[in-house]
Full PDB file with SEQRES, HELIX, SHEET, SSBOND, CRYST1, ORIGX, SCALE, CONECT and MASTER records, all heavy atoms in Angstrom:
SEQRES   1 A   40  VAL GLY VAL PRO VAL ALA LEU TYR VAL GLY ARG VAL ASP          
SEQRES   2 A   40  PRO GLU LYS ASN VAL GLY MET VAL VAL SER ALA PHE GLY          
SEQRES   3 A   40  GLU VAL LEU LYS LYS VAL PRO GLU ALA VAL LEU VAL VAL          
SEQRES   4 A   40  VAL                                                          
HELIX    1 AA1 PRO A   14  LYS A   16  5                                   3    
HELIX    2 AA2 VAL A   18  LYS A   31  1                                  14    
SHEET    1 AA1 2 VAL A   5  TYR A   8  0                                        
SHEET    2 AA1 2 VAL A  36  VAL A  39  1                                        
CRYST1    1.000    1.000    1.000  90.00  90.00  90.00 P 1           1          
ORIGX1      1.000000  0.000000  0.000000        0.00000                         
ORIGX2      0.000000  1.000000  0.000000        0.00000                         
ORIGX3      0.000000  0.000000  1.000000        0.00000                         
SCALE1      1.000000  0.000000  0.000000        0.00000                         
SCALE2      0.000000  1.000000  0.000000        0.00000                         
SCALE3      0.000000  0.000000  1.000000        0.00000                         
ATOM      1  N   VAL A   1       3.725  -4.569  14.753  1.00  0.00           N  
ATOM      2  CA  VAL A   1       4.143  -3.374  15.485  1.00  0.00           C  
ATOM      3  C   VAL A   1       5.595  -3.046  15.154  1.00  0.00           C  
ATOM      4  O   VAL A   1       6.429  -3.935  14.987  1.00  0.00           O  
ATOM      5  CB  VAL A   1       3.988  -3.596  17.007  1.00  0.00           C  
ATOM      6  CG1 VAL A   1       4.459  -2.367  17.798  1.00  0.00           C  
ATOM      7  CG2 VAL A   1       2.542  -3.923  17.349  1.00  0.00           C  
ATOM      8  N   GLY A   2       5.881  -1.751  15.037  1.00  0.00           N  
ATOM      9  CA  GLY A   2       7.263  -1.323  14.868  1.00  0.00           C  
ATOM     10  C   GLY A   2       7.804  -1.404  13.458  1.00  0.00           C  
ATOM     11  O   GLY A   2       9.025  -1.335  13.254  1.00  0.00           O  
ATOM     12  N   VAL A   3       6.913  -1.537  12.465  1.00  0.00           N  
ATOM     13  CA  VAL A   3       7.364  -1.551  11.072  1.00  0.00           C  
ATOM     14  C   VAL A   3       6.740  -0.364  10.341  1.00  0.00           C  
ATOM     15  O   VAL A   3       5.692   0.141  10.743  1.00  0.00           O  
ATOM     16  CB  VAL A   3       6.971  -2.871  10.352  1.00  0.00           C  
ATOM     17  CG1 VAL A   3       7.561  -4.069  11.079  1.00  0.00           C  
ATOM     18  CG2 VAL A   3       5.460  -3.000  10.232  1.00  0.00           C  
ATOM     19  N   PRO A   4       7.374   0.119   9.269  1.00  0.00           N  
ATOM     20  CA  PRO A   4       6.793   1.235   8.504  1.00  0.00           C  
ATOM     21  C   PRO A   4       5.469   0.816   7.855  1.00  0.00           C  
ATOM     22  O   PRO A   4       5.373  -0.278   7.292  1.00  0.00           O  
ATOM     23  CB  PRO A   4       7.854   1.531   7.443  1.00  0.00           C  
ATOM     24  CG  PRO A   4       9.111   0.894   7.945  1.00  0.00           C  
ATOM     25  CD  PRO A   4       8.678  -0.297   8.730  1.00  0.00           C  
ATOM     26  N   VAL A   5       4.470   1.692   7.936  1.00  0.00           N  
ATOM     27  CA  VAL A   5       3.143   1.372   7.409  1.00  0.00           C  
ATOM     28  C   VAL A   5       2.693   2.444   6.418  1.00  0.00           C  
ATOM     29  O   VAL A   5       2.640   3.634   6.756  1.00  0.00           O  
ATOM     30  CB  VAL A   5       2.100   1.256   8.541  1.00  0.00           C  
ATOM     31  CG1 VAL A   5       0.693   1.051   7.959  1.00  0.00           C  
ATOM     32  CG2 VAL A   5       2.446   0.104   9.473  1.00  0.00           C  
ATOM     33  N   ALA A   6       2.360   2.020   5.198  1.00  0.00           N  
ATOM     34  CA  ALA A   6       1.694   2.879   4.228  1.00  0.00           C  
ATOM     35  C   ALA A   6       0.198   2.594   4.329  1.00  0.00           C  
ATOM     36  O   ALA A   6      -0.216   1.434   4.417  1.00  0.00           O  
ATOM     37  CB  ALA A   6       2.194   2.585   2.819  1.00  0.00           C  
ATOM     38  N   LEU A   7      -0.619   3.642   4.323  1.00  0.00           N  
ATOM     39  CA  LEU A   7      -2.045   3.496   4.595  1.00  0.00           C  
ATOM     40  C   LEU A   7      -2.889   4.058   3.459  1.00  0.00           C  
ATOM     41  O   LEU A   7      -2.593   5.121   2.913  1.00  0.00           O  
ATOM     42  CB  LEU A   7      -2.395   4.249   5.891  1.00  0.00           C  
ATOM     43  CG  LEU A   7      -3.859   4.258   6.336  1.00  0.00           C  
ATOM     44  CD1 LEU A   7      -4.276   2.876   6.844  1.00  0.00           C  
ATOM     45  CD2 LEU A   7      -4.081   5.304   7.430  1.00  0.00           C  
ATOM     46  N   TYR A   8      -3.933   3.307   3.093  1.00  0.00           N  
ATOM     47  CA  TYR A   8      -4.988   3.824   2.209  1.00  0.00           C  
ATOM     48  C   TYR A   8      -6.310   3.628   2.912  1.00  0.00           C  
ATOM     49  O   TYR A   8      -6.588   2.552   3.458  1.00  0.00           O  
ATOM     50  CB  TYR A   8      -5.015   3.099   0.859  1.00  0.00           C  
ATOM     51  CG  TYR A   8      -6.265   3.438   0.059  1.00  0.00           C  
ATOM     52  CD1 TYR A   8      -6.323   4.588  -0.709  1.00  0.00           C  
ATOM     53  CD2 TYR A   8      -7.403   2.635   0.127  1.00  0.00           C  
ATOM     54  CE1 TYR A   8      -7.477   4.928  -1.410  1.00  0.00           C  
ATOM     55  CE2 TYR A   8      -8.564   2.958  -0.572  1.00  0.00           C  
ATOM     56  CZ  TYR A   8      -8.597   4.100  -1.336  1.00  0.00           C  
ATOM     57  OH  TYR A   8      -9.745   4.443  -2.005  1.00  0.00           O  
ATOM     58  N   VAL A   9      -7.152   4.662   2.897  1.00  0.00           N  
ATOM     59  CA  VAL A   9      -8.505   4.573   3.437  1.00  0.00           C  
ATOM     60  C   VAL A   9      -9.469   5.076   2.371  1.00  0.00           C  
ATOM     61  O   VAL A   9      -9.241   6.138   1.766  1.00  0.00           O  
ATOM     62  CB  VAL A   9      -8.669   5.418   4.720  1.00  0.00           C  
ATOM     63  CG1 VAL A   9     -10.111   5.348   5.228  1.00  0.00           C  
ATOM     64  CG2 VAL A   9      -7.712   4.951   5.808  1.00  0.00           C  
ATOM     65  N   GLY A  10     -10.538   4.342   2.137  1.00  0.00           N  
ATOM     66  CA  GLY A  10     -11.532   4.784   1.158  1.00  0.00           C  
ATOM     67  C   GLY A  10     -12.187   3.610   0.463  1.00  0.00           C  
ATOM     68  O   GLY A  10     -11.901   2.443   0.767  1.00  0.00           O  
ATOM     69  N   ARG A  11     -13.071   3.918  -0.480  1.00  0.00           N  
ATOM     70  CA  ARG A  11     -13.709   2.861  -1.261  1.00  0.00           C  
ATOM     71  C   ARG A  11     -12.658   2.120  -2.082  1.00  0.00           C  
ATOM     72  O   ARG A  11     -11.716   2.720  -2.583  1.00  0.00           O  
ATOM     73  CB  ARG A  11     -14.774   3.436  -2.184  1.00  0.00           C  
ATOM     74  CG  ARG A  11     -16.022   3.899  -1.481  1.00  0.00           C  
ATOM     75  CD  ARG A  11     -17.130   4.244  -2.457  1.00  0.00           C  
ATOM     76  NE  ARG A  11     -16.841   5.445  -3.231  1.00  0.00           N  
ATOM     77  CZ  ARG A  11     -16.690   5.479  -4.543  1.00  0.00           C  
ATOM     78  NH1 ARG A  11     -16.757   4.362  -5.253  1.00  0.00           N  
ATOM     79  NH2 ARG A  11     -16.449   6.617  -5.179  1.00  0.00           N  
ATOM     80  N   VAL A  12     -12.869   0.822  -2.220  1.00  0.00           N  
ATOM     81  CA  VAL A  12     -11.959   0.013  -3.031  1.00  0.00           C  
ATOM     82  C   VAL A  12     -12.691  -0.339  -4.327  1.00  0.00           C  
ATOM     83  O   VAL A  12     -13.088  -1.477  -4.560  1.00  0.00           O  
ATOM     84  CB  VAL A  12     -11.500  -1.247  -2.271  1.00  0.00           C  
ATOM     85  CG1 VAL A  12     -10.423  -1.999  -3.066  1.00  0.00           C  
ATOM     86  CG2 VAL A  12     -10.943  -0.863  -0.901  1.00  0.00           C  
ATOM     87  N   ASP A  13     -12.913   0.678  -5.129  1.00  0.00           N  
ATOM     88  CA  ASP A  13     -13.606   0.549  -6.407  1.00  0.00           C  
ATOM     89  C   ASP A  13     -12.657   0.964  -7.528  1.00  0.00           C  
ATOM     90  O   ASP A  13     -11.695   1.719  -7.285  1.00  0.00           O  
ATOM     91  CB  ASP A  13     -14.866   1.415  -6.425  1.00  0.00           C  
ATOM     92  CG  ASP A  13     -15.945   0.879  -5.485  1.00  0.00           C  
ATOM     93  OD1 ASP A  13     -16.067  -0.354  -5.380  1.00  0.00           O  
ATOM     94  OD2 ASP A  13     -16.662   1.688  -4.860  1.00  0.00           O  
ATOM     95  N   PRO A  14     -12.899   0.503  -8.757  1.00  0.00           N  
ATOM     96  CA  PRO A  14     -11.951   0.776  -9.851  1.00  0.00           C  
ATOM     97  C   PRO A  14     -11.612   2.246 -10.034  1.00  0.00           C  
ATOM     98  O   PRO A  14     -10.449   2.593 -10.304  1.00  0.00           O  
ATOM     99  CB  PRO A  14     -12.677   0.213 -11.079  1.00  0.00           C  
ATOM    100  CG  PRO A  14     -13.542  -0.869 -10.549  1.00  0.00           C  
ATOM    101  CD  PRO A  14     -14.001  -0.376  -9.196  1.00  0.00           C  
ATOM    102  N   GLU A  15     -12.633   3.140  -9.885  1.00  0.00           N  
ATOM    103  CA  GLU A  15     -12.371   4.558 -10.118  1.00  0.00           C  
ATOM    104  C   GLU A  15     -11.444   5.173  -9.071  1.00  0.00           C  
ATOM    105  O   GLU A  15     -10.901   6.264  -9.286  1.00  0.00           O  
ATOM    106  CB  GLU A  15     -13.690   5.343 -10.177  1.00  0.00           C  
ATOM    107  CG  GLU A  15     -14.514   5.308  -8.905  1.00  0.00           C  
ATOM    108  CD  GLU A  15     -15.545   4.197  -8.889  1.00  0.00           C  
ATOM    109  OE1 GLU A  15     -15.313   3.168  -9.571  1.00  0.00           O  
ATOM    110  OE2 GLU A  15     -16.574   4.346  -8.199  1.00  0.00           O  
ATOM    111  N   LYS A  16     -11.239   4.480  -7.949  1.00  0.00           N  
ATOM    112  CA  LYS A  16     -10.320   4.983  -6.920  1.00  0.00           C  
ATOM    113  C   LYS A  16      -8.867   4.598  -7.201  1.00  0.00           C  
ATOM    114  O   LYS A  16      -7.958   5.057  -6.513  1.00  0.00           O  
ATOM    115  CB  LYS A  16     -10.747   4.460  -5.540  1.00  0.00           C  
ATOM    116  CG  LYS A  16     -12.052   5.046  -5.023  1.00  0.00           C  
ATOM    117  CD  LYS A  16     -11.909   6.514  -4.684  1.00  0.00           C  
ATOM    118  CE  LYS A  16     -13.155   7.065  -4.017  1.00  0.00           C  
ATOM    119  NZ  LYS A  16     -13.005   8.469  -3.593  1.00  0.00           N  
ATOM    120  N   ASN A  17      -8.661   3.713  -8.195  1.00  0.00           N  
ATOM    121  CA  ASN A  17      -7.312   3.394  -8.672  1.00  0.00           C  
ATOM    122  C   ASN A  17      -6.401   2.837  -7.575  1.00  0.00           C  
ATOM    123  O   ASN A  17      -5.193   3.121  -7.554  1.00  0.00           O  
ATOM    124  CB  ASN A  17      -6.670   4.646  -9.294  1.00  0.00           C  
ATOM    125  CG  ASN A  17      -5.661   4.304 -10.372  1.00  0.00           C  
ATOM    126  OD1 ASN A  17      -5.593   3.170 -10.826  1.00  0.00           O  
ATOM    127  ND2 ASN A  17      -4.867   5.281 -10.765  1.00  0.00           N  
ATOM    128  N   VAL A  18      -6.980   2.038  -6.681  1.00  0.00           N  
ATOM    129  CA  VAL A  18      -6.175   1.445  -5.598  1.00  0.00           C  
ATOM    130  C   VAL A  18      -5.164   0.455  -6.160  1.00  0.00           C  
ATOM    131  O   VAL A  18      -4.129   0.192  -5.547  1.00  0.00           O  
ATOM    132  CB  VAL A  18      -7.088   0.768  -4.551  1.00  0.00           C  
ATOM    133  CG1 VAL A  18      -6.279   0.293  -3.346  1.00  0.00           C  
ATOM    134  CG2 VAL A  18      -8.176   1.726  -4.080  1.00  0.00           C  
ATOM    135  N   GLY A  19      -5.463  -0.075  -7.358  1.00  0.00           N  
ATOM    136  CA  GLY A  19      -4.521  -0.995  -7.985  1.00  0.00           C  
ATOM    137  C   GLY A  19      -3.147  -0.385  -8.190  1.00  0.00           C  
ATOM    138  O   GLY A  19      -2.116  -1.071  -8.061  1.00  0.00           O  
ATOM    139  N   MET A  20      -3.104   0.900  -8.488  1.00  0.00           N  
ATOM    140  CA  MET A  20      -1.815   1.566  -8.668  1.00  0.00           C  
ATOM    141  C   MET A  20      -1.060   1.640  -7.345  1.00  0.00           C  
ATOM    142  O   MET A  20       0.172   1.527  -7.312  1.00  0.00           O  
ATOM    143  CB  MET A  20      -1.997   2.966  -9.250  1.00  0.00           C  
ATOM    144  CG  MET A  20      -0.684   3.657  -9.563  1.00  0.00           C  
ATOM    145  SD  MET A  20      -0.849   5.300 -10.303  1.00  0.00           S  
ATOM    146  CE  MET A  20      -1.394   4.838 -11.953  1.00  0.00           C  
ATOM    147  N   VAL A  21      -1.786   1.829  -6.247  1.00  0.00           N  
ATOM    148  CA  VAL A  21      -1.150   1.859  -4.929  1.00  0.00           C  
ATOM    149  C   VAL A  21      -0.545   0.497  -4.611  1.00  0.00           C  
ATOM    150  O   VAL A  21       0.596   0.396  -4.135  1.00  0.00           O  
ATOM    151  CB  VAL A  21      -2.174   2.250  -3.845  1.00  0.00           C  
ATOM    152  CG1 VAL A  21      -1.561   2.131  -2.455  1.00  0.00           C  
ATOM    153  CG2 VAL A  21      -2.680   3.672  -4.079  1.00  0.00           C  
ATOM    154  N   VAL A  22      -1.295  -0.583  -4.887  1.00  0.00           N  
ATOM    155  CA  VAL A  22      -0.803  -1.934  -4.630  1.00  0.00           C  
ATOM    156  C   VAL A  22       0.426  -2.218  -5.489  1.00  0.00           C  
ATOM    157  O   VAL A  22       1.438  -2.754  -5.003  1.00  0.00           O  
ATOM    158  CB  VAL A  22      -1.912  -2.973  -4.896  1.00  0.00           C  
ATOM    159  CG1 VAL A  22      -1.355  -4.397  -4.804  1.00  0.00           C  
ATOM    160  CG2 VAL A  22      -3.066  -2.793  -3.911  1.00  0.00           C  
ATOM    161  N   SER A  23       0.351  -1.849  -6.766  1.00  0.00           N  
ATOM    162  CA  SER A  23       1.483  -2.060  -7.674  1.00  0.00           C  
ATOM    163  C   SER A  23       2.717  -1.288  -7.200  1.00  0.00           C  
ATOM    164  O   SER A  23       3.829  -1.824  -7.176  1.00  0.00           O  
ATOM    165  CB  SER A  23       1.088  -1.616  -9.083  1.00  0.00           C  
ATOM    166  OG  SER A  23       2.185  -1.687  -9.959  1.00  0.00           O  
ATOM    167  N   ALA A  24       2.512  -0.023  -6.812  1.00  0.00           N  
ATOM    168  CA  ALA A  24       3.631   0.799  -6.337  1.00  0.00           C  
ATOM    169  C   ALA A  24       4.243   0.215  -5.068  1.00  0.00           C  
ATOM    170  O   ALA A  24       5.464   0.255  -4.876  1.00  0.00           O  
ATOM    171  CB  ALA A  24       3.157   2.234  -6.083  1.00  0.00           C  
ATOM    172  N   PHE A  25       3.393  -0.355  -4.208  1.00  0.00           N  
ATOM    173  CA  PHE A  25       3.906  -0.889  -2.947  1.00  0.00           C  
ATOM    174  C   PHE A  25       4.832  -2.082  -3.194  1.00  0.00           C  
ATOM    175  O   PHE A  25       5.768  -2.305  -2.415  1.00  0.00           O  
ATOM    176  CB  PHE A  25       2.769  -1.283  -2.018  1.00  0.00           C  
ATOM    177  CG  PHE A  25       3.233  -1.639  -0.640  1.00  0.00           C  
ATOM    178  CD1 PHE A  25       3.711  -0.659   0.219  1.00  0.00           C  
ATOM    179  CD2 PHE A  25       3.232  -2.958  -0.200  1.00  0.00           C  
ATOM    180  CE1 PHE A  25       4.179  -0.980   1.480  1.00  0.00           C  
ATOM    181  CE2 PHE A  25       3.687  -3.289   1.068  1.00  0.00           C  
ATOM    182  CZ  PHE A  25       4.159  -2.300   1.909  1.00  0.00           C  
ATOM    183  N   GLY A  26       4.583  -2.820  -4.268  1.00  0.00           N  
ATOM    184  CA  GLY A  26       5.509  -3.888  -4.620  1.00  0.00           C  
ATOM    185  C   GLY A  26       6.913  -3.355  -4.838  1.00  0.00           C  
ATOM    186  O   GLY A  26       7.912  -3.997  -4.474  1.00  0.00           O  
ATOM    187  N   GLU A  27       7.024  -2.145  -5.423  1.00  0.00           N  
ATOM    188  CA  GLU A  27       8.322  -1.494  -5.622  1.00  0.00           C  
ATOM    189  C   GLU A  27       8.890  -0.974  -4.302  1.00  0.00           C  
ATOM    190  O   GLU A  27      10.098  -1.004  -4.075  1.00  0.00           O  
ATOM    191  CB  GLU A  27       8.179  -0.340  -6.618  1.00  0.00           C  
ATOM    192  CG  GLU A  27       7.785  -0.771  -8.025  1.00  0.00           C  
ATOM    193  CD  GLU A  27       8.856  -1.634  -8.665  1.00  0.00           C  
ATOM    194  OE1 GLU A  27      10.036  -1.256  -8.602  1.00  0.00           O  
ATOM    195  OE2 GLU A  27       8.499  -2.695  -9.208  1.00  0.00           O  
ATOM    196  N   VAL A  28       8.002  -0.486  -3.424  1.00  0.00           N  
ATOM    197  CA  VAL A  28       8.447   0.007  -2.111  1.00  0.00           C  
ATOM    198  C   VAL A  28       9.164  -1.089  -1.335  1.00  0.00           C  
ATOM    199  O   VAL A  28      10.186  -0.854  -0.677  1.00  0.00           O  
ATOM    200  CB  VAL A  28       7.240   0.533  -1.294  1.00  0.00           C  
ATOM    201  CG1 VAL A  28       7.643   0.840   0.149  1.00  0.00           C  
ATOM    202  CG2 VAL A  28       6.643   1.775  -1.956  1.00  0.00           C  
ATOM    203  N   LEU A  29       8.623  -2.312  -1.430  1.00  0.00           N  
ATOM    204  CA  LEU A  29       9.184  -3.427  -0.648  1.00  0.00           C  
ATOM    205  C   LEU A  29      10.626  -3.759  -1.045  1.00  0.00           C  
ATOM    206  O   LEU A  29      11.371  -4.342  -0.252  1.00  0.00           O  
ATOM    207  CB  LEU A  29       8.305  -4.660  -0.808  1.00  0.00           C  
ATOM    208  CG  LEU A  29       6.950  -4.600  -0.083  1.00  0.00           C  
ATOM    209  CD1 LEU A  29       6.086  -5.803  -0.433  1.00  0.00           C  
ATOM    210  CD2 LEU A  29       7.146  -4.510   1.428  1.00  0.00           C  
ATOM    211  N   LYS A  30      11.019  -3.378  -2.250  1.00  0.00           N  
ATOM    212  CA  LYS A  30      12.400  -3.619  -2.667  1.00  0.00           C  
ATOM    213  C   LYS A  30      13.370  -2.730  -1.894  1.00  0.00           C  
ATOM    214  O   LYS A  30      14.529  -3.093  -1.690  1.00  0.00           O  
ATOM    215  CB  LYS A  30      12.543  -3.361  -4.167  1.00  0.00           C  
ATOM    216  CG  LYS A  30      11.737  -4.341  -5.030  1.00  0.00           C  
ATOM    217  CD  LYS A  30      11.850  -3.994  -6.505  1.00  0.00           C  
ATOM    218  CE  LYS A  30      11.017  -4.946  -7.357  1.00  0.00           C  
ATOM    219  NZ  LYS A  30      11.084  -4.606  -8.800  1.00  0.00           N  
ATOM    220  N   LYS A  31      12.907  -1.556  -1.452  1.00  0.00           N  
ATOM    221  CA  LYS A  31      13.748  -0.635  -0.691  1.00  0.00           C  
ATOM    222  C   LYS A  31      13.471  -0.709   0.813  1.00  0.00           C  
ATOM    223  O   LYS A  31      14.370  -0.467   1.620  1.00  0.00           O  
ATOM    224  CB  LYS A  31      13.513   0.800  -1.179  1.00  0.00           C  
ATOM    225  CG  LYS A  31      13.943   1.038  -2.623  1.00  0.00           C  
ATOM    226  CD  LYS A  31      13.740   2.500  -3.021  1.00  0.00           C  
ATOM    227  CE  LYS A  31      14.210   2.744  -4.444  1.00  0.00           C  
ATOM    228  NZ  LYS A  31      14.020   4.162  -4.870  1.00  0.00           N  
ATOM    229  N   VAL A  32      12.208  -1.014   1.146  1.00  0.00           N  
ATOM    230  CA  VAL A  32      11.815  -1.094   2.564  1.00  0.00           C  
ATOM    231  C   VAL A  32      11.111  -2.433   2.762  1.00  0.00           C  
ATOM    232  O   VAL A  32       9.877  -2.507   2.862  1.00  0.00           O  
ATOM    233  CB  VAL A  32      10.881   0.071   2.956  1.00  0.00           C  
ATOM    234  CG1 VAL A  32      10.780   0.191   4.474  1.00  0.00           C  
ATOM    235  CG2 VAL A  32      11.347   1.390   2.360  1.00  0.00           C  
ATOM    236  N   PRO A  33      11.863  -3.539   2.804  1.00  0.00           N  
ATOM    237  CA  PRO A  33      11.262  -4.877   2.798  1.00  0.00           C  
ATOM    238  C   PRO A  33      10.379  -5.201   3.995  1.00  0.00           C  
ATOM    239  O   PRO A  33       9.523  -6.079   3.912  1.00  0.00           O  
ATOM    240  CB  PRO A  33      12.480  -5.812   2.738  1.00  0.00           C  
ATOM    241  CG  PRO A  33      13.636  -4.985   3.190  1.00  0.00           C  
ATOM    242  CD  PRO A  33      13.338  -3.591   2.771  1.00  0.00           C  
ATOM    243  N   GLU A  34      10.573  -4.480   5.092  1.00  0.00           N  
ATOM    244  CA  GLU A  34       9.773  -4.751   6.294  1.00  0.00           C  
ATOM    245  C   GLU A  34       8.450  -3.989   6.297  1.00  0.00           C  
ATOM    246  O   GLU A  34       7.609  -4.163   7.202  1.00  0.00           O  
ATOM    247  CB  GLU A  34      10.575  -4.403   7.556  1.00  0.00           C  
ATOM    248  CG  GLU A  34      10.798  -2.902   7.788  1.00  0.00           C  
ATOM    249  CD  GLU A  34      11.983  -2.322   7.031  1.00  0.00           C  
ATOM    250  OE1 GLU A  34      12.433  -2.942   6.053  1.00  0.00           O  
ATOM    251  OE2 GLU A  34      12.467  -1.251   7.446  1.00  0.00           O  
ATOM    252  N   ALA A  35       8.214  -3.132   5.316  1.00  0.00           N  
ATOM    253  CA  ALA A  35       7.022  -2.273   5.301  1.00  0.00           C  
ATOM    254  C   ALA A  35       5.745  -3.084   5.087  1.00  0.00           C  
ATOM    255  O   ALA A  35       5.767  -4.208   4.573  1.00  0.00           O  
ATOM    256  CB  ALA A  35       7.155  -1.217   4.212  1.00  0.00           C  
ATOM    257  N   VAL A  36       4.631  -2.466   5.483  1.00  0.00           N  
ATOM    258  CA  VAL A  36       3.303  -3.082   5.329  1.00  0.00           C  
ATOM    259  C   VAL A  36       2.361  -2.051   4.724  1.00  0.00           C  
ATOM    260  O   VAL A  36       2.421  -0.862   5.075  1.00  0.00           O  
ATOM    261  CB  VAL A  36       2.744  -3.562   6.693  1.00  0.00           C  
ATOM    262  CG1 VAL A  36       1.281  -3.986   6.575  1.00  0.00           C  
ATOM    263  CG2 VAL A  36       3.582  -4.711   7.233  1.00  0.00           C  
ATOM    264  N   LEU A  37       1.523  -2.499   3.801  1.00  0.00           N  
ATOM    265  CA  LEU A  37       0.461  -1.661   3.243  1.00  0.00           C  
ATOM    266  C   LEU A  37      -0.861  -2.066   3.878  1.00  0.00           C  
ATOM    267  O   LEU A  37      -1.246  -3.236   3.831  1.00  0.00           O  
ATOM    268  CB  LEU A  37       0.375  -1.826   1.727  1.00  0.00           C  
ATOM    269  CG  LEU A  37      -0.825  -1.157   1.034  1.00  0.00           C  
ATOM    270  CD1 LEU A  37      -0.772   0.358   1.177  1.00  0.00           C  
ATOM    271  CD2 LEU A  37      -0.889  -1.553  -0.446  1.00  0.00           C  
ATOM    272  N   VAL A  38      -1.558  -1.100   4.468  1.00  0.00           N  
ATOM    273  CA  VAL A  38      -2.864  -1.347   5.086  1.00  0.00           C  
ATOM    274  C   VAL A  38      -3.933  -0.648   4.255  1.00  0.00           C  
ATOM    275  O   VAL A  38      -3.875   0.570   4.063  1.00  0.00           O  
ATOM    276  CB  VAL A  38      -2.903  -0.845   6.545  1.00  0.00           C  
ATOM    277  CG1 VAL A  38      -4.299  -1.008   7.134  1.00  0.00           C  
ATOM    278  CG2 VAL A  38      -1.885  -1.608   7.391  1.00  0.00           C  
ATOM    279  N   VAL A  39      -4.889  -1.423   3.740  1.00  0.00           N  
ATOM    280  CA  VAL A  39      -5.976  -0.894   2.926  1.00  0.00           C  
ATOM    281  C   VAL A  39      -7.274  -1.007   3.735  1.00  0.00           C  
ATOM    282  O   VAL A  39      -7.740  -2.108   4.029  1.00  0.00           O  
ATOM    283  CB  VAL A  39      -6.117  -1.666   1.599  1.00  0.00           C  
ATOM    284  CG1 VAL A  39      -7.303  -1.132   0.793  1.00  0.00           C  
ATOM    285  CG2 VAL A  39      -4.826  -1.570   0.791  1.00  0.00           C  
ATOM    286  N   VAL A  40      -7.835   0.150   4.092  1.00  0.00           N  
ATOM    287  CA  VAL A  40      -9.067   0.193   4.879  1.00  0.00           C  
ATOM    288  C   VAL A  40     -10.211   0.589   3.947  1.00  0.00           C  
ATOM    289  O   VAL A  40     -10.215   1.678   3.389  1.00  0.00           O  
ATOM    290  CB  VAL A  40      -8.962   1.202   6.040  1.00  0.00           C  
ATOM    291  CG1 VAL A  40     -10.253   1.197   6.863  1.00  0.00           C  
ATOM    292  CG2 VAL A  40      -7.761   0.889   6.924  1.00  0.00           C  
TER     293      VAL A  40                                                      
MASTER        0    0    0    2    2    0    0    6  292    1    0    4          
END                                                                             
């Protein structure tokens, strides 16, 4: 609770390219270290 949250909702299949979101979030954490990525 109380931390910045980036959210993805949808199928977790290769054509949805969720891997790019995960990779990008690694870069986000360098600027916003308390952030959380939630994949639904």
